[in-house]
Amino acid sequence: MRPIYSTILFDFDGTLTSSLNSWLESYHYAFSQFGVALSDEDIVNRCFYRAFEDVVAEFNLPCSIRFGELIKEGLAVSIEKVKLYEGVNESLTACAQHKIKLAVVTSAPRLVVEKALRILNIDSFFNTLVTADDVVNFKPHPEPVSIALKRLGSEPEETLMIGDSQADIFAAKAAGVRIGLFHPEEHKQFYDFQKLRNSQPHFIFDHYDSLHEYLFIMAD
């Protein structure tokens, strides 16, 4: 059996781990230090996938650097509670057995991601990590994906990216790699599923069993 792809890039939050709630908690924590109280919906719609500078400007907060530090403080605590989605470990193990090169490509801070991967005991699967600390332009810009490809020595046409957001879809397409969209039912709080589907990922799955089937059974 020959795998379809030689390289797979994984987003981290909401893709490998159920950590979108950790970001939500961290935003609540950061805003609370400035005496600002927002609903979950406001944070998702007005803060997720935006630069801290833009969030700080919208809410008239005094310092984007301090706001970012507070987000990291919150994440450092809440990230310890995250769990892998069911089937992730099995899929990563199968990829490793087939000598598929693996990377994490995320907009989260490196220290937070490295800590979580160690806690979850999956750090050894990945050949490289591309994090917020490694890029100038965040997803949906293709820079993070392109950096991962360069580090791995991989070609776009032999690479698949797995993500859960439009930012992942657009970054992958701009870099010339195929994109698989993971959207389990619990993501309803965070995403408009119709908008994600309209972004035309190459395939969609809601459980890692389906990813395993796509990668390996279809390759027979």
N, C-alpha and C. Protein backbone atom coordinates (compact mmCIF):
# COMPACT_ATOMS: atom_id res chain seq x y z
N MET A 1 0.85 -1.19 0.00
CA MET A 1 0.00 0.00 0.00
C MET A 1 0.88 1.24 0.00
N ARG A 2 0.68 2.13 -0.93
CA ARG A 2 1.44 3.36 -1.03
C ARG A 2 0.55 4.53 -0.62
N PRO A 3 0.95 5.30 0.41
CA PRO A 3 0.13 6.44 0.84
C PRO A 3 -0.07 7.45 -0.28
N ILE A 4 -1.19 8.16 -0.23
CA ILE A 4 -1.49 9.18 -1.23
C ILE A 4 -0.52 10.35 -1.13
N TYR A 5 -0.10 10.70 0.09
CA TYR A 5 0.73 11.87 0.33
C TYR A 5 2.02 11.47 1.03
N SER A 6 3.09 12.19 0.71
CA SER A 6 4.37 11.98 1.40
C SER A 6 4.48 12.87 2.63
N THR A 7 3.62 13.90 2.69
CA THR A 7 3.72 14.90 3.74
C THR A 7 2.32 15.32 4.18
N ILE A 8 2.12 15.43 5.49
CA ILE A 8 0.85 15.94 6.02
C ILE A 8 1.15 17.01 7.06
N LEU A 9 0.50 18.15 6.90
CA LEU A 9 0.62 19.27 7.82
C LEU A 9 -0.66 19.38 8.62
N PHE A 10 -0.53 19.48 9.93
CA PHE A 10 -1.70 19.58 10.80
C PHE A 10 -1.75 20.94 11.47
N ASP A 11 -2.89 21.59 11.40
CA ASP A 11 -3.17 22.69 12.31
C ASP A 11 -3.24 22.09 13.72
N PHE A 12 -3.15 22.93 14.72
CA PHE A 12 -3.15 22.42 16.10
C PHE A 12 -4.51 22.60 16.78
N ASP A 13 -4.87 23.86 17.05
CA ASP A 13 -6.11 24.13 17.79
C ASP A 13 -7.34 23.76 16.98
N GLY A 14 -8.20 22.93 17.55
CA GLY A 14 -9.42 22.54 16.87
C GLY A 14 -9.23 21.49 15.80
N THR A 15 -7.98 21.03 15.64
CA THR A 15 -7.69 20.01 14.63
C THR A 15 -7.11 18.77 15.27
N LEU A 16 -5.99 18.92 15.95
CA LEU A 16 -5.44 17.80 16.72
C LEU A 16 -6.09 17.73 18.10
N THR A 17 -6.34 18.90 18.66
CA THR A 17 -6.84 18.97 20.03
C THR A 17 -8.11 19.82 20.12
N SER A 18 -8.88 19.53 21.14
CA SER A 18 -10.11 20.28 21.40
C SER A 18 -9.78 21.53 22.22
N SER A 19 -8.95 22.40 21.66
CA SER A 19 -8.40 23.52 22.42
C SER A 19 -9.01 24.87 22.05
N LEU A 20 -10.03 24.89 21.21
CA LEU A 20 -10.66 26.18 20.92
C LEU A 20 -11.25 26.81 22.18
N ASN A 21 -11.75 25.97 23.07
CA ASN A 21 -12.26 26.50 24.34
C ASN A 21 -11.15 27.10 25.20
N SER A 22 -9.92 26.58 25.04
CA SER A 22 -8.79 27.15 25.77
C SER A 22 -8.52 28.58 25.32
N TRP A 23 -8.63 28.81 24.01
CA TRP A 23 -8.48 30.17 23.50
C TRP A 23 -9.60 31.07 24.00
N LEU A 24 -10.80 30.53 24.04
CA LEU A 24 -11.94 31.30 24.54
C LEU A 24 -11.70 31.71 25.98
N GLU A 25 -11.27 30.77 26.81
CA GLU A 25 -10.98 31.07 28.22
C GLU A 25 -9.86 32.10 28.34
N SER A 26 -8.87 31.99 27.47
CA SER A 26 -7.72 32.90 27.53
C SER A 26 -8.11 34.32 27.16
N TYR A 27 -9.00 34.46 26.17
CA TYR A 27 -9.49 35.79 25.82
C TYR A 27 -10.30 36.39 26.98
N HIS A 28 -11.15 35.58 27.59
CA HIS A 28 -11.91 36.07 28.75
C HIS A 28 -10.95 36.54 29.84
N TYR A 29 -9.91 35.77 30.08
CA TYR A 29 -8.92 36.13 31.10
C TYR A 29 -8.23 37.45 30.76
N ALA A 30 -7.77 37.57 29.50
CA ALA A 30 -7.06 38.79 29.10
C ALA A 30 -7.96 40.02 29.20
N PHE A 31 -9.19 39.90 28.70
CA PHE A 31 -10.11 41.04 28.75
C PHE A 31 -10.44 41.42 30.20
N SER A 32 -10.54 40.42 31.06
CA SER A 32 -10.91 40.69 32.45
C SER A 32 -9.86 41.56 33.15
N GLN A 33 -8.59 41.45 32.71
CA GLN A 33 -7.52 42.26 33.31
C GLN A 33 -7.67 43.74 32.96
N PHE A 34 -8.47 44.02 31.94
CA PHE A 34 -8.75 45.41 31.55
C PHE A 34 -10.17 45.83 31.92
N GLY A 35 -10.85 44.98 32.70
CA GLY A 35 -12.21 45.30 33.12
C GLY A 35 -13.25 45.20 32.03
N VAL A 36 -12.98 44.37 31.01
CA VAL A 36 -13.90 44.20 29.89
C VAL A 36 -14.53 42.82 29.96
N ALA A 37 -15.85 42.76 29.90
CA ALA A 37 -16.57 41.49 29.92
C ALA A 37 -17.30 41.31 28.58
N LEU A 38 -17.05 40.20 27.92
CA LEU A 38 -17.67 39.92 26.63
C LEU A 38 -18.32 38.55 26.66
N SER A 39 -19.29 38.34 25.79
CA SER A 39 -19.89 37.02 25.65
C SER A 39 -18.96 36.12 24.84
N ASP A 40 -19.18 34.81 24.94
CA ASP A 40 -18.42 33.87 24.12
C ASP A 40 -18.59 34.20 22.64
N GLU A 41 -19.81 34.52 22.25
CA GLU A 41 -20.09 34.81 20.85
C GLU A 41 -19.30 36.03 20.36
N ASP A 42 -19.23 37.06 21.20
CA ASP A 42 -18.47 38.25 20.82
C ASP A 42 -16.99 37.92 20.62
N ILE A 43 -16.45 37.13 21.52
CA ILE A 43 -15.03 36.78 21.41
C ILE A 43 -14.77 35.97 20.14
N VAL A 44 -15.61 35.01 19.86
CA VAL A 44 -15.44 34.20 18.65
C VAL A 44 -15.54 35.06 17.41
N ASN A 45 -16.55 35.92 17.35
CA ASN A 45 -16.80 36.70 16.13
C ASN A 45 -15.87 37.90 15.97
N ARG A 46 -15.39 38.44 17.08
CA ARG A 46 -14.64 39.70 16.99
C ARG A 46 -13.15 39.56 17.31
N CYS A 47 -12.75 38.38 17.80
CA CYS A 47 -11.35 38.22 18.22
C CYS A 47 -10.62 37.06 17.55
N PHE A 48 -11.32 35.94 17.35
CA PHE A 48 -10.64 34.78 16.77
C PHE A 48 -10.11 35.11 15.38
N TYR A 49 -8.91 34.61 15.09
CA TYR A 49 -8.27 34.76 13.77
C TYR A 49 -8.04 36.22 13.39
N ARG A 50 -7.78 37.04 14.41
CA ARG A 50 -7.41 38.43 14.17
C ARG A 50 -6.12 38.73 14.91
N ALA A 51 -5.34 39.66 14.39
CA ALA A 51 -4.12 40.09 15.07
C ALA A 51 -4.48 40.77 16.39
N PHE A 52 -3.65 40.56 17.40
CA PHE A 52 -3.90 41.18 18.69
C PHE A 52 -3.98 42.70 18.55
N GLU A 53 -3.18 43.27 17.66
CA GLU A 53 -3.20 44.73 17.47
C GLU A 53 -4.58 45.20 17.04
N ASP A 54 -5.22 44.43 16.15
CA ASP A 54 -6.55 44.82 15.66
C ASP A 54 -7.60 44.69 16.76
N VAL A 55 -7.48 43.63 17.57
CA VAL A 55 -8.43 43.43 18.68
C VAL A 55 -8.29 44.55 19.70
N VAL A 56 -7.06 44.86 20.05
CA VAL A 56 -6.80 45.92 21.02
C VAL A 56 -7.33 47.26 20.51
N ALA A 57 -7.14 47.53 19.23
CA ALA A 57 -7.63 48.80 18.67
C ALA A 57 -9.15 48.86 18.71
N GLU A 58 -9.82 47.75 18.37
CA GLU A 58 -11.28 47.75 18.35
C GLU A 58 -11.87 48.01 19.72
N PHE A 59 -11.24 47.43 20.75
CA PHE A 59 -11.79 47.56 22.10
C PHE A 59 -11.10 48.67 22.90
N ASN A 60 -10.25 49.44 22.23
CA ASN A 60 -9.61 50.60 22.85
C ASN A 60 -8.84 50.21 24.11
N LEU A 61 -8.08 49.14 24.00
CA LEU A 61 -7.23 48.70 25.11
C LEU A 61 -5.87 49.38 25.00
N PRO A 62 -5.14 49.49 26.09
CA PRO A 62 -3.93 50.32 26.08
C PRO A 62 -2.71 49.73 25.37
N CYS A 63 -2.57 48.38 25.32
CA CYS A 63 -1.30 47.83 24.83
C CYS A 63 -1.49 46.44 24.23
N SER A 64 -1.16 46.30 22.95
CA SER A 64 -1.31 44.99 22.31
C SER A 64 -0.28 43.99 22.82
N ILE A 65 0.91 44.48 23.18
CA ILE A 65 1.94 43.56 23.69
C ILE A 65 1.48 42.94 25.01
N ARG A 66 0.96 43.77 25.90
CA ARG A 66 0.47 43.25 27.19
C ARG A 66 -0.71 42.34 26.97
N PHE A 67 -1.60 42.68 26.05
CA PHE A 67 -2.75 41.83 25.76
C PHE A 67 -2.29 40.46 25.28
N GLY A 68 -1.31 40.43 24.38
CA GLY A 68 -0.78 39.16 23.90
C GLY A 68 -0.14 38.34 25.01
N GLU A 69 0.56 39.01 25.92
CA GLU A 69 1.16 38.31 27.06
C GLU A 69 0.10 37.67 27.94
N LEU A 70 -1.01 38.38 28.14
CA LEU A 70 -2.09 37.83 28.95
C LEU A 70 -2.75 36.64 28.28
N ILE A 71 -2.90 36.69 26.96
CA ILE A 71 -3.44 35.53 26.23
C ILE A 71 -2.54 34.33 26.46
N LYS A 72 -1.23 34.53 26.34
CA LYS A 72 -0.28 33.43 26.53
C LYS A 72 -0.34 32.90 27.96
N GLU A 73 -0.48 33.80 28.94
CA GLU A 73 -0.61 33.37 30.34
C GLU A 73 -1.84 32.47 30.50
N GLY A 74 -2.95 32.90 29.92
CA GLY A 74 -4.16 32.10 30.01
C GLY A 74 -4.02 30.76 29.33
N LEU A 75 -3.40 30.76 28.15
CA LEU A 75 -3.22 29.51 27.42
C LEU A 75 -2.31 28.55 28.17
N ALA A 76 -1.27 29.07 28.80
CA ALA A 76 -0.32 28.21 29.51
C ALA A 76 -1.02 27.39 30.59
N VAL A 77 -2.09 27.94 31.15
CA VAL A 77 -2.86 27.22 32.17
C VAL A 77 -3.91 26.33 31.54
N SER A 78 -4.71 26.89 30.64
CA SER A 78 -5.85 26.14 30.09
C SER A 78 -5.42 25.03 29.15
N ILE A 79 -4.24 25.16 28.52
CA ILE A 79 -3.81 24.16 27.55
C ILE A 79 -3.54 22.82 28.22
N GLU A 80 -3.30 22.83 29.53
CA GLU A 80 -3.03 21.57 30.24
C GLU A 80 -4.26 20.68 30.30
N LYS A 81 -5.43 21.25 30.03
CA LYS A 81 -6.67 20.47 30.12
C LYS A 81 -7.10 19.89 28.79
N VAL A 82 -6.43 20.25 27.70
CA VAL A 82 -6.92 19.83 26.39
C VAL A 82 -6.68 18.35 26.16
N LYS A 83 -7.50 17.77 25.29
CA LYS A 83 -7.39 16.37 24.94
C LYS A 83 -7.31 16.23 23.42
N LEU A 84 -6.71 15.14 22.99
CA LEU A 84 -6.70 14.82 21.57
C LEU A 84 -8.10 14.42 21.13
N TYR A 85 -8.43 14.75 19.89
CA TYR A 85 -9.67 14.21 19.33
C TYR A 85 -9.51 12.70 19.16
N GLU A 86 -10.61 12.01 19.31
CA GLU A 86 -10.59 10.56 19.19
C GLU A 86 -10.05 10.15 17.82
N GLY A 87 -9.11 9.24 17.83
CA GLY A 87 -8.54 8.73 16.59
C GLY A 87 -7.28 9.43 16.13
N VAL A 88 -6.91 10.54 16.75
CA VAL A 88 -5.72 11.27 16.34
C VAL A 88 -4.47 10.42 16.51
N ASN A 89 -4.33 9.82 17.69
CA ASN A 89 -3.13 9.02 17.96
C ASN A 89 -2.97 7.90 16.96
N GLU A 90 -4.07 7.23 16.65
CA GLU A 90 -4.02 6.13 15.70
C GLU A 90 -3.62 6.61 14.30
N SER A 91 -4.15 7.75 13.90
CA SER A 91 -3.81 8.30 12.59
C SER A 91 -2.35 8.71 12.52
N LEU A 92 -1.84 9.35 13.57
CA LEU A 92 -0.44 9.74 13.59
C LEU A 92 0.47 8.52 13.58
N THR A 93 0.08 7.49 14.31
CA THR A 93 0.87 6.26 14.33
C THR A 93 0.93 5.62 12.95
N ALA A 94 -0.21 5.58 12.27
CA ALA A 94 -0.25 5.01 10.91
C ALA A 94 0.61 5.83 9.96
N CYS A 95 0.57 7.15 10.09
CA CYS A 95 1.40 8.00 9.23
C CYS A 95 2.89 7.71 9.47
N ALA A 96 3.25 7.59 10.73
CA ALA A 96 4.65 7.31 11.06
C ALA A 96 5.08 5.95 10.51
N GLN A 97 4.20 4.97 10.60
CA GLN A 97 4.52 3.63 10.08
C GLN A 97 4.74 3.64 8.58
N HIS A 98 4.05 4.56 7.89
CA HIS A 98 4.20 4.68 6.44
C HIS A 98 5.23 5.73 6.04
N LYS A 99 6.00 6.19 7.05
CA LYS A 99 7.09 7.14 6.82
C LYS A 99 6.62 8.44 6.15
N ILE A 100 5.41 8.87 6.49
CA ILE A 100 4.91 10.16 6.03
C ILE A 100 5.50 11.25 6.90
N LYS A 101 6.02 12.28 6.28
CA LYS A 101 6.58 13.42 7.02
C LYS A 101 5.43 14.24 7.61
N LEU A 102 5.55 14.60 8.88
CA LEU A 102 4.48 15.30 9.58
C LEU A 102 4.98 16.62 10.17
N ALA A 103 4.10 17.61 10.16
CA ALA A 103 4.42 18.90 10.79
C ALA A 103 3.16 19.49 11.39
N VAL A 104 3.35 20.32 12.40
CA VAL A 104 2.28 21.16 12.93
C VAL A 104 2.48 22.56 12.37
N VAL A 105 1.42 23.13 11.82
CA VAL A 105 1.46 24.49 11.30
C VAL A 105 0.35 25.27 11.98
N THR A 106 0.72 26.16 12.89
CA THR A 106 -0.26 26.80 13.77
C THR A 106 0.07 28.26 14.00
N SER A 107 -0.93 29.03 14.36
CA SER A 107 -0.73 30.44 14.73
C SER A 107 -0.59 30.60 16.24
N ALA A 108 -0.54 29.50 16.96
CA ALA A 108 -0.37 29.55 18.41
C ALA A 108 1.10 29.74 18.77
N PRO A 109 1.40 30.26 19.97
CA PRO A 109 2.79 30.46 20.39
C PRO A 109 3.53 29.13 20.54
N ARG A 110 4.82 29.13 20.21
CA ARG A 110 5.61 27.91 20.24
C ARG A 110 5.64 27.25 21.62
N LEU A 111 5.87 28.03 22.67
CA LEU A 111 5.97 27.45 24.01
C LEU A 111 4.69 26.73 24.41
N VAL A 112 3.55 27.29 24.04
CA VAL A 112 2.26 26.69 24.37
C VAL A 112 2.07 25.38 23.60
N VAL A 113 2.40 25.41 22.30
CA VAL A 113 2.22 24.22 21.47
C VAL A 113 3.16 23.10 21.90
N GLU A 114 4.42 23.45 22.13
CA GLU A 114 5.39 22.43 22.55
C GLU A 114 4.97 21.80 23.87
N LYS A 115 4.48 22.61 24.79
CA LYS A 115 4.02 22.09 26.08
C LYS A 115 2.87 21.12 25.89
N ALA A 116 1.89 21.52 25.07
CA ALA A 116 0.72 20.67 24.85
C ALA A 116 1.10 19.36 24.17
N LEU A 117 1.98 19.42 23.18
CA LEU A 117 2.38 18.19 22.48
C LEU A 117 3.09 17.23 23.43
N ARG A 118 3.88 17.77 24.34
CA ARG A 118 4.55 16.91 25.34
C ARG A 118 3.53 16.29 26.28
N ILE A 119 2.60 17.10 26.77
CA ILE A 119 1.59 16.59 27.70
C ILE A 119 0.76 15.49 27.04
N LEU A 120 0.44 15.69 25.77
CA LEU A 120 -0.38 14.74 25.02
C LEU A 120 0.43 13.55 24.48
N ASN A 121 1.75 13.62 24.65
CA ASN A 121 2.66 12.55 24.26
C ASN A 121 2.62 12.26 22.75
N ILE A 122 2.54 13.34 21.96
CA ILE A 122 2.57 13.15 20.50
C ILE A 122 3.69 13.98 19.86
N ASP A 123 4.54 14.60 20.67
CA ASP A 123 5.58 15.47 20.13
C ASP A 123 6.55 14.73 19.21
N SER A 124 6.79 13.45 19.48
CA SER A 124 7.79 12.70 18.70
C SER A 124 7.32 12.40 17.28
N PHE A 125 6.04 12.56 16.99
CA PHE A 125 5.53 12.27 15.65
C PHE A 125 5.95 13.32 14.62
N PHE A 126 6.23 14.54 15.07
CA PHE A 126 6.35 15.66 14.13
C PHE A 126 7.80 15.99 13.82
N ASN A 127 8.08 16.14 12.53
CA ASN A 127 9.41 16.48 12.07
C ASN A 127 9.74 17.95 12.28
N THR A 128 8.73 18.80 12.28
CA THR A 128 8.95 20.22 12.53
C THR A 128 7.66 20.87 13.00
N LEU A 129 7.80 22.01 13.66
CA LEU A 129 6.66 22.83 14.08
C LEU A 129 6.84 24.23 13.50
N VAL A 130 5.78 24.75 12.91
CA VAL A 130 5.77 26.15 12.47
C VAL A 130 4.72 26.86 13.30
N THR A 131 5.15 27.82 14.09
CA THR A 131 4.26 28.48 15.06
C THR A 131 4.24 29.98 14.82
N ALA A 132 3.52 30.67 15.68
CA ALA A 132 3.44 32.14 15.59
C ALA A 132 4.81 32.79 15.69
N ASP A 133 5.74 32.12 16.36
CA ASP A 133 7.07 32.69 16.56
C ASP A 133 7.96 32.59 15.32
N ASP A 134 7.51 31.85 14.32
CA ASP A 134 8.35 31.56 13.15
C ASP A 134 7.98 32.36 11.91
N VAL A 135 6.91 33.13 11.96
CA VAL A 135 6.40 33.76 10.74
C VAL A 135 6.19 35.26 10.93
N VAL A 136 6.14 35.95 9.81
CA VAL A 136 5.72 37.36 9.78
C VAL A 136 4.23 37.42 9.48
N ASN A 137 3.79 36.57 8.53
CA ASN A 137 2.40 36.56 8.09
C ASN A 137 1.70 35.29 8.56
N PHE A 138 0.60 35.45 9.25
CA PHE A 138 -0.15 34.30 9.75
C PHE A 138 -1.11 33.77 8.69
N LYS A 139 -1.53 32.50 8.86
CA LYS A 139 -2.62 31.99 8.03
C LYS A 139 -3.80 32.98 8.12
N PRO A 140 -4.46 33.29 7.00
CA PRO A 140 -4.53 32.58 5.72
C PRO A 140 -3.42 32.88 4.72
N HIS A 141 -2.41 33.65 5.09
CA HIS A 141 -1.26 33.83 4.21
C HIS A 141 -0.55 32.47 4.07
N PRO A 142 0.02 32.18 2.91
CA PRO A 142 0.66 30.87 2.72
C PRO A 142 2.01 30.72 3.39
N GLU A 143 2.55 31.79 3.97
CA GLU A 143 3.91 31.72 4.54
C GLU A 143 4.12 30.55 5.51
N PRO A 144 3.24 30.32 6.50
CA PRO A 144 3.48 29.20 7.42
C PRO A 144 3.56 27.85 6.72
N VAL A 145 2.69 27.65 5.73
CA VAL A 145 2.70 26.39 4.98
C VAL A 145 3.98 26.27 4.17
N SER A 146 4.38 27.34 3.52
CA SER A 146 5.59 27.33 2.70
C SER A 146 6.83 27.06 3.54
N ILE A 147 6.88 27.62 4.75
CA ILE A 147 8.01 27.36 5.64
C ILE A 147 8.08 25.88 6.00
N ALA A 148 6.93 25.29 6.31
CA ALA A 148 6.90 23.86 6.64
C ALA A 148 7.39 23.02 5.47
N LEU A 149 6.94 23.33 4.27
CA LEU A 149 7.37 22.58 3.09
C LEU A 149 8.88 22.68 2.89
N LYS A 150 9.42 23.89 3.07
CA LYS A 150 10.85 24.08 2.90
C LYS A 150 11.64 23.29 3.93
N ARG A 151 11.20 23.32 5.17
CA ARG A 151 11.91 22.59 6.23
C ARG A 151 11.88 21.08 5.99
N LEU A 152 10.77 20.61 5.48
CA LEU A 152 10.59 19.17 5.27
C LEU A 152 11.17 18.68 3.94
N GLY A 153 11.50 19.62 3.06
CA GLY A 153 11.96 19.24 1.74
C GLY A 153 10.87 18.59 0.92
N SER A 154 9.63 19.07 1.08
CA SER A 154 8.46 18.47 0.43
C SER A 154 7.93 19.37 -0.68
N GLU A 155 7.28 18.75 -1.65
CA GLU A 155 6.66 19.47 -2.74
C GLU A 155 5.18 19.68 -2.45
N PRO A 156 4.61 20.81 -2.87
CA PRO A 156 3.19 21.08 -2.60
C PRO A 156 2.26 19.98 -3.11
N GLU A 157 2.55 19.45 -4.30
CA GLU A 157 1.64 18.48 -4.92
C GLU A 157 1.60 17.14 -4.20
N GLU A 158 2.56 16.90 -3.31
CA GLU A 158 2.55 15.64 -2.56
C GLU A 158 2.16 15.85 -1.10
N THR A 159 1.57 17.02 -0.82
CA THR A 159 1.29 17.43 0.56
C THR A 159 -0.19 17.66 0.80
N LEU A 160 -0.65 17.24 1.97
CA LEU A 160 -2.01 17.49 2.45
C LEU A 160 -1.93 18.29 3.73
N MET A 161 -2.80 19.28 3.86
CA MET A 161 -2.93 19.99 5.13
C MET A 161 -4.28 19.66 5.74
N ILE A 162 -4.29 19.44 7.05
CA ILE A 162 -5.52 19.19 7.79
C ILE A 162 -5.77 20.38 8.71
N GLY A 163 -6.95 20.99 8.59
CA GLY A 163 -7.28 22.13 9.43
C GLY A 163 -8.77 22.22 9.68
N ASP A 164 -9.17 23.23 10.45
CA ASP A 164 -10.57 23.35 10.84
C ASP A 164 -11.18 24.70 10.50
N SER A 165 -10.41 25.59 9.86
CA SER A 165 -10.89 26.95 9.66
C SER A 165 -10.69 27.42 8.22
N GLN A 166 -11.34 28.54 7.87
CA GLN A 166 -11.10 29.14 6.57
C GLN A 166 -9.65 29.58 6.42
N ALA A 167 -9.04 30.01 7.52
CA ALA A 167 -7.63 30.41 7.46
C ALA A 167 -6.76 29.25 6.98
N ASP A 168 -7.05 28.05 7.46
CA ASP A 168 -6.31 26.86 7.02
C ASP A 168 -6.57 26.57 5.55
N ILE A 169 -7.83 26.66 5.16
CA ILE A 169 -8.20 26.36 3.77
C ILE A 169 -7.50 27.32 2.82
N PHE A 170 -7.57 28.62 3.11
CA PHE A 170 -7.00 29.61 2.21
C PHE A 170 -5.47 29.53 2.18
N ALA A 171 -4.85 29.28 3.33
CA ALA A 171 -3.39 29.17 3.38
C ALA A 171 -2.91 27.98 2.56
N ALA A 172 -3.60 26.85 2.72
CA ALA A 172 -3.22 25.64 1.99
C ALA A 172 -3.35 25.84 0.49
N LYS A 173 -4.49 26.38 0.08
CA LYS A 173 -4.71 26.59 -1.36
C LYS A 173 -3.70 27.57 -1.94
N ALA A 174 -3.39 28.63 -1.20
CA ALA A 174 -2.44 29.62 -1.70
C ALA A 174 -1.03 29.04 -1.83
N ALA A 175 -0.73 28.03 -1.00
CA ALA A 175 0.58 27.38 -1.06
C ALA A 175 0.60 26.21 -2.04
N GLY A 176 -0.56 25.90 -2.61
CA GLY A 176 -0.62 24.84 -3.62
C GLY A 176 -0.74 23.44 -3.07
N VAL A 177 -1.16 23.30 -1.79
CA VAL A 177 -1.34 21.96 -1.22
C VAL A 177 -2.83 21.67 -1.08
N ARG A 178 -3.15 20.40 -1.00
CA ARG A 178 -4.54 20.01 -0.82
C ARG A 178 -4.93 20.20 0.64
N ILE A 179 -6.24 20.37 0.88
CA ILE A 179 -6.71 20.68 2.23
C ILE A 179 -7.85 19.77 2.63
N GLY A 180 -7.72 19.18 3.80
CA GLY A 180 -8.81 18.41 4.39
C GLY A 180 -9.39 19.19 5.56
N LEU A 181 -10.69 19.37 5.57
CA LEU A 181 -11.37 20.14 6.62
C LEU A 181 -11.94 19.21 7.68
N PHE A 182 -11.52 19.44 8.92
CA PHE A 182 -12.06 18.68 10.05
C PHE A 182 -13.11 19.55 10.72
N HIS A 183 -14.37 19.08 10.73
CA HIS A 183 -15.39 19.87 11.41
C HIS A 183 -16.35 18.96 12.18
N PRO A 184 -15.93 18.57 13.40
CA PRO A 184 -16.80 17.80 14.27
C PRO A 184 -17.98 18.65 14.75
N GLU A 185 -18.99 18.01 15.24
CA GLU A 185 -20.22 18.70 15.66
C GLU A 185 -19.95 19.77 16.71
N GLU A 186 -18.98 19.53 17.58
CA GLU A 186 -18.71 20.48 18.67
C GLU A 186 -18.17 21.82 18.18
N HIS A 187 -17.79 21.91 16.92
CA HIS A 187 -17.28 23.17 16.38
C HIS A 187 -18.38 24.15 16.00
N LYS A 188 -19.64 23.74 16.15
CA LYS A 188 -20.75 24.63 15.79
C LYS A 188 -20.68 25.97 16.50
N GLN A 189 -20.16 25.97 17.70
CA GLN A 189 -20.07 27.20 18.48
C GLN A 189 -19.10 28.19 17.83
N PHE A 190 -18.15 27.67 17.08
CA PHE A 190 -17.06 28.50 16.59
C PHE A 190 -17.12 28.84 15.10
N TYR A 191 -17.84 28.03 14.31
CA TYR A 191 -17.78 28.21 12.87
C TYR A 191 -19.16 28.14 12.23
N ASP A 192 -19.26 28.80 11.10
CA ASP A 192 -20.39 28.66 10.19
C ASP A 192 -20.03 27.55 9.21
N PHE A 193 -20.60 26.36 9.41
CA PHE A 193 -20.22 25.21 8.60
C PHE A 193 -20.47 25.44 7.12
N GLN A 194 -21.55 26.15 6.78
CA GLN A 194 -21.84 26.39 5.38
C GLN A 194 -20.75 27.25 4.74
N LYS A 195 -20.29 28.24 5.48
CA LYS A 195 -19.22 29.10 4.96
C LYS A 195 -17.94 28.29 4.76
N LEU A 196 -17.65 27.37 5.68
CA LEU A 196 -16.48 26.52 5.53
C LEU A 196 -16.60 25.64 4.29
N ARG A 197 -17.77 25.04 4.11
CA ARG A 197 -17.97 24.17 2.95
C ARG A 197 -17.88 24.97 1.64
N ASN A 198 -18.38 26.20 1.67
CA ASN A 198 -18.33 27.05 0.48
C ASN A 198 -16.90 27.44 0.10
N SER A 199 -15.97 27.28 1.04
CA SER A 199 -14.56 27.56 0.75
C SER A 199 -13.91 26.42 -0.03
N GLN A 200 -14.65 25.36 -0.24
CA GLN A 200 -14.26 24.25 -1.11
C GLN A 200 -12.96 23.56 -0.72
N PRO A 201 -12.94 23.00 0.51
CA PRO A 201 -11.82 22.11 0.83
C PRO A 201 -11.88 20.87 -0.06
N HIS A 202 -10.77 20.17 -0.17
CA HIS A 202 -10.75 19.01 -1.06
C HIS A 202 -11.51 17.82 -0.49
N PHE A 203 -11.54 17.70 0.82
CA PHE A 203 -12.45 16.73 1.44
C PHE A 203 -12.77 17.18 2.86
N ILE A 204 -13.86 16.66 3.40
CA ILE A 204 -14.37 17.05 4.72
C ILE A 204 -14.58 15.80 5.55
N PHE A 205 -14.21 15.86 6.82
CA PHE A 205 -14.44 14.71 7.70
C PHE A 205 -14.76 15.21 9.10
N ASP A 206 -15.49 14.39 9.85
CA ASP A 206 -15.86 14.78 11.21
C ASP A 206 -15.33 13.81 12.26
N HIS A 207 -14.57 12.80 11.82
CA HIS A 207 -13.94 11.85 12.74
C HIS A 207 -12.68 11.35 12.08
N TYR A 208 -11.66 11.10 12.88
CA TYR A 208 -10.37 10.69 12.33
C TYR A 208 -10.40 9.30 11.69
N ASP A 209 -11.40 8.50 11.97
CA ASP A 209 -11.55 7.24 11.23
C ASP A 209 -11.69 7.51 9.74
N SER A 210 -12.41 8.57 9.40
CA SER A 210 -12.62 8.91 7.99
C SER A 210 -11.32 9.40 7.35
N LEU A 211 -10.50 10.11 8.11
CA LEU A 211 -9.20 10.53 7.58
C LEU A 211 -8.34 9.31 7.31
N HIS A 212 -8.33 8.38 8.23
CA HIS A 212 -7.54 7.16 8.06
C HIS A 212 -7.97 6.42 6.79
N GLU A 213 -9.27 6.32 6.59
CA GLU A 213 -9.78 5.65 5.39
C GLU A 213 -9.35 6.38 4.13
N TYR A 214 -9.44 7.70 4.16
CA TYR A 214 -9.04 8.51 3.00
C TYR A 214 -7.56 8.32 2.68
N LEU A 215 -6.73 8.32 3.71
CA LEU A 215 -5.29 8.26 3.50
C LEU A 215 -4.80 6.89 3.08
N PHE A 216 -5.37 5.85 3.65
CA PHE A 216 -4.76 4.54 3.51
C PHE A 216 -5.62 3.52 2.76
N ILE A 217 -6.89 3.41 3.11
CA ILE A 217 -7.72 2.40 2.42
C ILE A 217 -7.88 2.77 0.96
N MET A 218 -8.07 4.07 0.68
CA MET A 218 -8.22 4.49 -0.71
C MET A 218 -6.92 4.33 -1.49
N ALA A 219 -5.81 4.20 -0.77
CA ALA A 219 -4.52 4.07 -1.45
C ALA A 219 -4.26 2.63 -1.92
N ASP A 220 -5.07 1.69 -1.48
CA ASP A 220 -4.87 0.29 -1.87
C ASP A 220 -5.03 0.08 -3.37
